[in-house]
Amino acid sequence: MTAVPFTFDQLAAAAEREVRFRERVYARRIQDRKMTQAKAAEEIAMMKAIAEHLRLEADRDSLFGGSA
């Protein structure tokens, strides 16, 4: 498998989209009793932490002129 070189900005944007996706989908799963509120909150919080970390890396990368 060949690694595709994504930038931190691309990775952060994807993680931020994933947070919005989870917020939408998990709300339905909770309503349908397929997921607990606690589990949804934990999973969303974890993805938010990933997105925030990647956004910080992207900001630092652009500040110092990096590309990866």
PDB file of N, CA and C in Angstrom:
ATOM      1  N   MET A   1       0.834  -1.183   0.000  1.00  0.00           N
ATOM      2  CA  MET A   1       0.000   0.000   0.000  1.00  0.00           C
ATOM      3  C   MET A   1       0.877   1.245   0.000  1.00  0.00           C
ATOM      4  N   THR A   2       0.601   2.155  -0.899  1.00  0.00           N
ATOM      5  CA  THR A   2       1.376   3.377  -1.024  1.00  0.00           C
ATOM      6  C   THR A   2       0.733   4.486  -0.204  1.00  0.00           C
ATOM      7  N   ALA A   3       1.541   5.143   0.612  1.00  0.00           N
ATOM      8  CA  ALA A   3       1.027   6.239   1.436  1.00  0.00           C
ATOM      9  C   ALA A   3       0.806   7.474   0.571  1.00  0.00           C
ATOM     10  N   VAL A   4      -0.321   8.125   0.770  1.00  0.00           N
ATOM     11  CA  VAL A   4      -0.616   9.368   0.066  1.00  0.00           C
ATOM     12  C   VAL A   4      -0.251  10.514   0.994  1.00  0.00           C
ATOM     13  N   PRO A   5       0.574  11.429   0.532  1.00  0.00           N
ATOM     14  CA  PRO A   5       1.043  12.504   1.407  1.00  0.00           C
ATOM     15  C   PRO A   5      -0.004  13.612   1.572  1.00  0.00           C
ATOM     16  N   PHE A   6      -0.823  13.506   2.603  1.00  0.00           N
ATOM     17  CA  PHE A   6      -1.811  14.539   2.889  1.00  0.00           C
ATOM     18  C   PHE A   6      -1.172  15.606   3.767  1.00  0.00           C
ATOM     19  N   THR A   7      -1.596  16.835   3.589  1.00  0.00           N
ATOM     20  CA  THR A   7      -1.102  17.907   4.459  1.00  0.00           C
ATOM     21  C   THR A   7      -1.882  17.873   5.772  1.00  0.00           C
ATOM     22  N   PHE A   8      -1.334  18.532   6.783  1.00  0.00           N
ATOM     23  CA  PHE A   8      -2.057  18.634   8.049  1.00  0.00           C
ATOM     24  C   PHE A   8      -3.373  19.381   7.852  1.00  0.00           C
ATOM     25  N   ASP A   9      -3.384  20.352   6.950  1.00  0.00           N
ATOM     26  CA  ASP A   9      -4.612  21.095   6.691  1.00  0.00           C
ATOM     27  C   ASP A   9      -5.688  20.175   6.117  1.00  0.00           C
ATOM     28  N   GLN A  10      -5.308  19.316   5.184  1.00  0.00           N
ATOM     29  CA  GLN A  10      -6.265  18.353   4.616  1.00  0.00           C
ATOM     30  C   GLN A  10      -6.764  17.378   5.679  1.00  0.00           C
ATOM     31  N   LEU A  11      -5.859  16.904   6.507  1.00  0.00           N
ATOM     32  CA  LEU A  11      -6.239  15.963   7.569  1.00  0.00           C
ATOM     33  C   LEU A  11      -7.164  16.636   8.585  1.00  0.00           C
ATOM     34  N   ALA A  12      -6.855  17.874   8.947  1.00  0.00           N
ATOM     35  CA  ALA A  12      -7.700  18.605   9.895  1.00  0.00           C
ATOM     36  C   ALA A  12      -9.095  18.819   9.316  1.00  0.00           C
ATOM     37  N   ALA A  13      -9.179  19.196   8.058  1.00  0.00           N
ATOM     38  CA  ALA A  13     -10.475  19.417   7.418  1.00  0.00           C
ATOM     39  C   ALA A  13     -11.296  18.130   7.388  1.00  0.00           C
ATOM     40  N   ALA A  14     -10.645  17.012   7.110  1.00  0.00           N
ATOM     41  CA  ALA A  14     -11.344  15.726   7.091  1.00  0.00           C
ATOM     42  C   ALA A  14     -11.854  15.367   8.487  1.00  0.00           C
ATOM     43  N   ALA A  15     -11.049  15.600   9.508  1.00  0.00           N
ATOM     44  CA  ALA A  15     -11.464  15.301  10.878  1.00  0.00           C
ATOM     45  C   ALA A  15     -12.612  16.212  11.304  1.00  0.00           C
ATOM     46  N   GLU A  16     -12.575  17.471  10.890  1.00  0.00           N
ATOM     47  CA  GLU A  16     -13.652  18.397  11.214  1.00  0.00           C
ATOM     48  C   GLU A  16     -14.959  17.979  10.529  1.00  0.00           C
ATOM     49  N   ARG A  17     -14.863  17.502   9.291  1.00  0.00           N
ATOM     50  CA  ARG A  17     -16.050  16.965   8.608  1.00  0.00           C
ATOM     51  C   ARG A  17     -16.583  15.742   9.341  1.00  0.00           C
ATOM     52  N   GLU A  18     -15.683  14.905   9.816  1.00  0.00           N
ATOM     53  CA  GLU A  18     -16.083  13.692  10.541  1.00  0.00           C
ATOM     54  C   GLU A  18     -16.831  14.046  11.828  1.00  0.00           C
ATOM     55  N   VAL A  19     -16.406  15.097  12.509  1.00  0.00           N
ATOM     56  CA  VAL A  19     -17.112  15.536  13.724  1.00  0.00           C
ATOM     57  C   VAL A  19     -18.550  15.894  13.367  1.00  0.00           C
ATOM     58  N   ARG A  20     -18.732  16.700  12.320  1.00  0.00           N
ATOM     59  CA  ARG A  20     -20.089  17.106  11.919  1.00  0.00           C
ATOM     60  C   ARG A  20     -20.920  15.896  11.503  1.00  0.00           C
ATOM     61  N   PHE A  21     -20.295  14.952  10.807  1.00  0.00           N
ATOM     62  CA  PHE A  21     -20.981  13.731  10.393  1.00  0.00           C
ATOM     63  C   PHE A  21     -21.453  12.943  11.606  1.00  0.00           C
ATOM     64  N   ARG A  22     -20.550  12.758  12.566  1.00  0.00           N
ATOM     65  CA  ARG A  22     -20.897  11.998  13.773  1.00  0.00           C
ATOM     66  C   ARG A  22     -22.006  12.673  14.562  1.00  0.00           C
ATOM     67  N   GLU A  23     -21.960  13.990  14.651  1.00  0.00           N
ATOM     68  CA  GLU A  23     -23.010  14.699  15.389  1.00  0.00           C
ATOM     69  C   GLU A  23     -24.381  14.433  14.755  1.00  0.00           C
ATOM     70  N   ARG A  24     -24.429  14.406  13.440  1.00  0.00           N
ATOM     71  CA  ARG A  24     -25.694  14.138  12.740  1.00  0.00           C
ATOM     72  C   ARG A  24     -26.122  12.688  12.896  1.00  0.00           C
ATOM     73  N   VAL A  25     -25.220  11.775  12.590  1.00  0.00           N
ATOM     74  CA  VAL A  25     -25.550  10.348  12.562  1.00  0.00           C
ATOM     75  C   VAL A  25     -25.807   9.809  13.969  1.00  0.00           C
ATOM     76  N   TYR A  26     -24.985  10.199  14.920  1.00  0.00           N
ATOM     77  CA  TYR A  26     -25.142   9.665  16.268  1.00  0.00           C
ATOM     78  C   TYR A  26     -26.456  10.121  16.893  1.00  0.00           C
ATOM     79  N   ALA A  27     -26.917  11.315  16.553  1.00  0.00           N
ATOM     80  CA  ALA A  27     -28.211  11.772  17.076  1.00  0.00           C
ATOM     81  C   ALA A  27     -29.320  10.808  16.656  1.00  0.00           C
ATOM     82  N   ARG A  28     -29.273  10.374  15.400  1.00  0.00           N
ATOM     83  CA  ARG A  28     -30.269   9.393  14.924  1.00  0.00           C
ATOM     84  C   ARG A  28     -30.088   8.054  15.616  1.00  0.00           C
ATOM     85  N   ARG A  29     -28.852   7.639  15.798  1.00  0.00           N
ATOM     86  CA  ARG A  29     -28.597   6.345  16.446  1.00  0.00           C
ATOM     87  C   ARG A  29     -29.091   6.346  17.898  1.00  0.00           C
ATOM     88  N   ILE A  30     -28.933   7.474  18.581  1.00  0.00           N
ATOM     89  CA  ILE A  30     -29.437   7.592  19.952  1.00  0.00           C
ATOM     90  C   ILE A  30     -30.960   7.512  19.938  1.00  0.00           C
ATOM     91  N   GLN A  31     -31.562   8.254  19.024  1.00  0.00           N
ATOM     92  CA  GLN A  31     -33.025   8.252  18.910  1.00  0.00           C
ATOM     93  C   GLN A  31     -33.558   6.847  18.625  1.00  0.00           C
ATOM     94  N   ASP A  32     -32.838   6.101  17.791  1.00  0.00           N
ATOM     95  CA  ASP A  32     -33.238   4.733  17.444  1.00  0.00           C
ATOM     96  C   ASP A  32     -32.787   3.712  18.486  1.00  0.00           C
ATOM     97  N   ARG A  33     -32.176   4.181  19.562  1.00  0.00           N
ATOM     98  CA  ARG A  33     -31.690   3.337  20.665  1.00  0.00           C
ATOM     99  C   ARG A  33     -30.622   2.325  20.211  1.00  0.00           C
ATOM    100  N   LYS A  34     -29.833   2.741  19.242  1.00  0.00           N
ATOM    101  CA  LYS A  34     -28.733   1.899  18.767  1.00  0.00           C
ATOM    102  C   LYS A  34     -27.398   2.337  19.376  1.00  0.00           C
ATOM    103  N   MET A  35     -27.437   3.460  20.106  1.00  0.00           N
ATOM    104  CA  MET A  35     -26.233   3.993  20.734  1.00  0.00           C
ATOM    105  C   MET A  35     -26.673   4.797  21.953  1.00  0.00           C
ATOM    106  N   THR A  36     -25.872   4.734  22.999  1.00  0.00           N
ATOM    107  CA  THR A  36     -26.200   5.537  24.182  1.00  0.00           C
ATOM    108  C   THR A  36     -25.677   6.962  24.003  1.00  0.00           C
ATOM    109  N   GLN A  37     -26.296   7.876  24.727  1.00  0.00           N
ATOM    110  CA  GLN A  37     -25.842   9.272  24.716  1.00  0.00           C
ATOM    111  C   GLN A  37     -24.395   9.355  25.195  1.00  0.00           C
ATOM    112  N   ALA A  38     -24.063   8.581  26.220  1.00  0.00           N
ATOM    113  CA  ALA A  38     -22.712   8.602  26.778  1.00  0.00           C
ATOM    114  C   ALA A  38     -21.674   8.152  25.751  1.00  0.00           C
ATOM    115  N   LYS A  39     -21.974   7.075  25.033  1.00  0.00           N
ATOM    116  CA  LYS A  39     -21.030   6.570  24.026  1.00  0.00           C
ATOM    117  C   LYS A  39     -20.882   7.570  22.885  1.00  0.00           C
ATOM    118  N   ALA A  40     -21.975   8.155  22.458  1.00  0.00           N
ATOM    119  CA  ALA A  40     -21.922   9.157  21.386  1.00  0.00           C
ATOM    120  C   ALA A  40     -21.078  10.353  21.817  1.00  0.00           C
ATOM    121  N   ALA A  41     -21.311  10.826  23.032  1.00  0.00           N
ATOM    122  CA  ALA A  41     -20.553  11.969  23.543  1.00  0.00           C
ATOM    123  C   ALA A  41     -19.061  11.659  23.601  1.00  0.00           C
ATOM    124  N   GLU A  42     -18.726  10.456  24.047  1.00  0.00           N
ATOM    125  CA  GLU A  42     -17.320  10.048  24.129  1.00  0.00           C
ATOM    126  C   GLU A  42     -16.676  10.001  22.744  1.00  0.00           C
ATOM    127  N   GLU A  43     -17.365   9.387  21.797  1.00  0.00           N
ATOM    128  CA  GLU A  43     -16.819   9.253  20.441  1.00  0.00           C
ATOM    129  C   GLU A  43     -16.674  10.609  19.754  1.00  0.00           C
ATOM    130  N   ILE A  44     -17.653  11.481  19.938  1.00  0.00           N
ATOM    131  CA  ILE A  44     -17.582  12.818  19.339  1.00  0.00           C
ATOM    132  C   ILE A  44     -16.463  13.623  19.987  1.00  0.00           C
ATOM    133  N   ALA A  45     -16.342  13.540  21.307  1.00  0.00           N
ATOM    134  CA  ALA A  45     -15.277  14.262  22.005  1.00  0.00           C
ATOM    135  C   ALA A  45     -13.895  13.799  21.541  1.00  0.00           C
ATOM    136  N   MET A  46     -13.758  12.506  21.330  1.00  0.00           N
ATOM    137  CA  MET A  46     -12.476  11.987  20.864  1.00  0.00           C
ATOM    138  C   MET A  46     -12.140  12.519  19.471  1.00  0.00           C
ATOM    139  N   MET A  47     -13.132  12.521  18.577  1.00  0.00           N
ATOM    140  CA  MET A  47     -12.875  13.021  17.225  1.00  0.00           C
ATOM    141  C   MET A  47     -12.620  14.521  17.236  1.00  0.00           C
ATOM    142  N   LYS A  48     -13.295  15.250  18.127  1.00  0.00           N
ATOM    143  CA  LYS A  48     -13.023  16.685  18.255  1.00  0.00           C
ATOM    144  C   LYS A  48     -11.588  16.918  18.704  1.00  0.00           C
ATOM    145  N   ALA A  49     -11.102  16.100  19.635  1.00  0.00           N
ATOM    146  CA  ALA A  49      -9.724  16.227  20.106  1.00  0.00           C
ATOM    147  C   ALA A  49      -8.735  15.957  18.970  1.00  0.00           C
ATOM    148  N   ILE A  50      -9.037  14.959  18.151  1.00  0.00           N
ATOM    149  CA  ILE A  50      -8.188  14.654  16.991  1.00  0.00           C
ATOM    150  C   ILE A  50      -8.196  15.830  16.023  1.00  0.00           C
ATOM    151  N   ALA A  51      -9.382  16.359  15.745  1.00  0.00           N
ATOM    152  CA  ALA A  51      -9.507  17.490  14.817  1.00  0.00           C
ATOM    153  C   ALA A  51      -8.746  18.708  15.330  1.00  0.00           C
ATOM    154  N   GLU A  52      -8.886  18.985  16.627  1.00  0.00           N
ATOM    155  CA  GLU A  52      -8.181  20.127  17.217  1.00  0.00           C
ATOM    156  C   GLU A  52      -6.673  19.950  17.139  1.00  0.00           C
ATOM    157  N   HIS A  53      -6.200  18.752  17.416  1.00  0.00           N
ATOM    158  CA  HIS A  53      -4.763  18.474  17.338  1.00  0.00           C
ATOM    159  C   HIS A  53      -4.255  18.679  15.909  1.00  0.00           C
ATOM    160  N   LEU A  54      -4.985  18.135  14.958  1.00  0.00           N
ATOM    161  CA  LEU A  54      -4.573  18.278  13.563  1.00  0.00           C
ATOM    162  C   LEU A  54      -4.636  19.734  13.103  1.00  0.00           C
ATOM    163  N   ARG A  55      -5.635  20.485  13.568  1.00  0.00           N
ATOM    164  CA  ARG A  55      -5.733  21.906  13.205  1.00  0.00           C
ATOM    165  C   ARG A  55      -4.554  22.672  13.777  1.00  0.00           C
ATOM    166  N   LEU A  56      -4.156  22.379  15.008  1.00  0.00           N
ATOM    167  CA  LEU A  56      -2.979  23.029  15.590  1.00  0.00           C
ATOM    168  C   LEU A  56      -1.725  22.718  14.778  1.00  0.00           C
ATOM    169  N   GLU A  57      -1.584  21.459  14.374  1.00  0.00           N
ATOM    170  CA  GLU A  57      -0.439  21.076  13.546  1.00  0.00           C
ATOM    171  C   GLU A  57      -0.481  21.798  12.196  1.00  0.00           C
ATOM    172  N   ALA A  58      -1.667  21.915  11.614  1.00  0.00           N
ATOM    173  CA  ALA A  58      -1.810  22.607  10.326  1.00  0.00           C
ATOM    174  C   ALA A  58      -1.432  24.078  10.473  1.00  0.00           C
ATOM    175  N   ASP A  59      -1.893  24.701  11.546  1.00  0.00           N
ATOM    176  CA  ASP A  59      -1.563  26.113  11.779  1.00  0.00           C
ATOM    177  C   ASP A  59      -0.068  26.299  11.998  1.00  0.00           C
ATOM    178  N   ARG A  60       0.532  25.402  12.767  1.00  0.00           N
ATOM    179  CA  ARG A  60       1.970  25.475  13.010  1.00  0.00           C
ATOM    180  C   ARG A  60       2.739  25.235  11.712  1.00  0.00           C
ATOM    181  N   ASP A  61       2.253  24.275  10.919  1.00  0.00           N
ATOM    182  CA  ASP A  61       2.883  23.940   9.637  1.00  0.00           C
ATOM    183  C   ASP A  61       2.870  25.138   8.700  1.00  0.00           C
ATOM    184  N   SER A  62       1.729  25.832   8.626  1.00  0.00           N
ATOM    185  CA  SER A  62       1.644  26.982   7.722  1.00  0.00           C
ATOM    186  C   SER A  62       2.477  28.145   8.250  1.00  0.00           C
ATOM    187  N   LEU A  63       2.578  28.269   9.577  1.00  0.00           N
ATOM    188  CA  LEU A  63       3.374  29.326  10.180  1.00  0.00           C
ATOM    189  C   LEU A  63       4.848  29.166   9.844  1.00  0.00           C
ATOM    190  N   PHE A  64       5.312  27.909   9.812  1.00  0.00           N
ATOM    191  CA  PHE A  64       6.723  27.646   9.551  1.00  0.00           C
ATOM    192  C   PHE A  64       6.994  27.201   8.124  1.00  0.00           C
ATOM    193  N   GLY A  65       6.008  27.288   7.270  1.00  0.00           N
ATOM    194  CA  GLY A  65       6.219  27.014   5.853  1.00  0.00           C
ATOM    195  C   GLY A  65       6.333  25.557   5.471  1.00  0.00           C
ATOM    196  N   GLY A  66       5.838  24.660   6.312  1.00  0.00           N
ATOM    197  CA  GLY A  66       5.893  23.237   5.997  1.00  0.00           C
ATOM    198  C   GLY A  66       4.836  22.847   4.983  1.00  0.00           C
ATOM    199  N   SER A  67       4.944  21.613   4.482  1.00  0.00           N
ATOM    200  CA  SER A  67       3.958  21.152   3.485  1.00  0.00           C
ATOM    201  C   SER A  67       3.404  19.795   3.801  1.00  0.00           C
ATOM    202  N   ALA A  68       3.775  19.182   4.910  1.00  0.00           N
ATOM    203  CA  ALA A  68       3.278  17.834   5.210  1.00  0.00           C
ATOM    204  C   ALA A  68       2.624  17.736   6.536  1.00  0.00           C
TER     205      ALA A  68
END
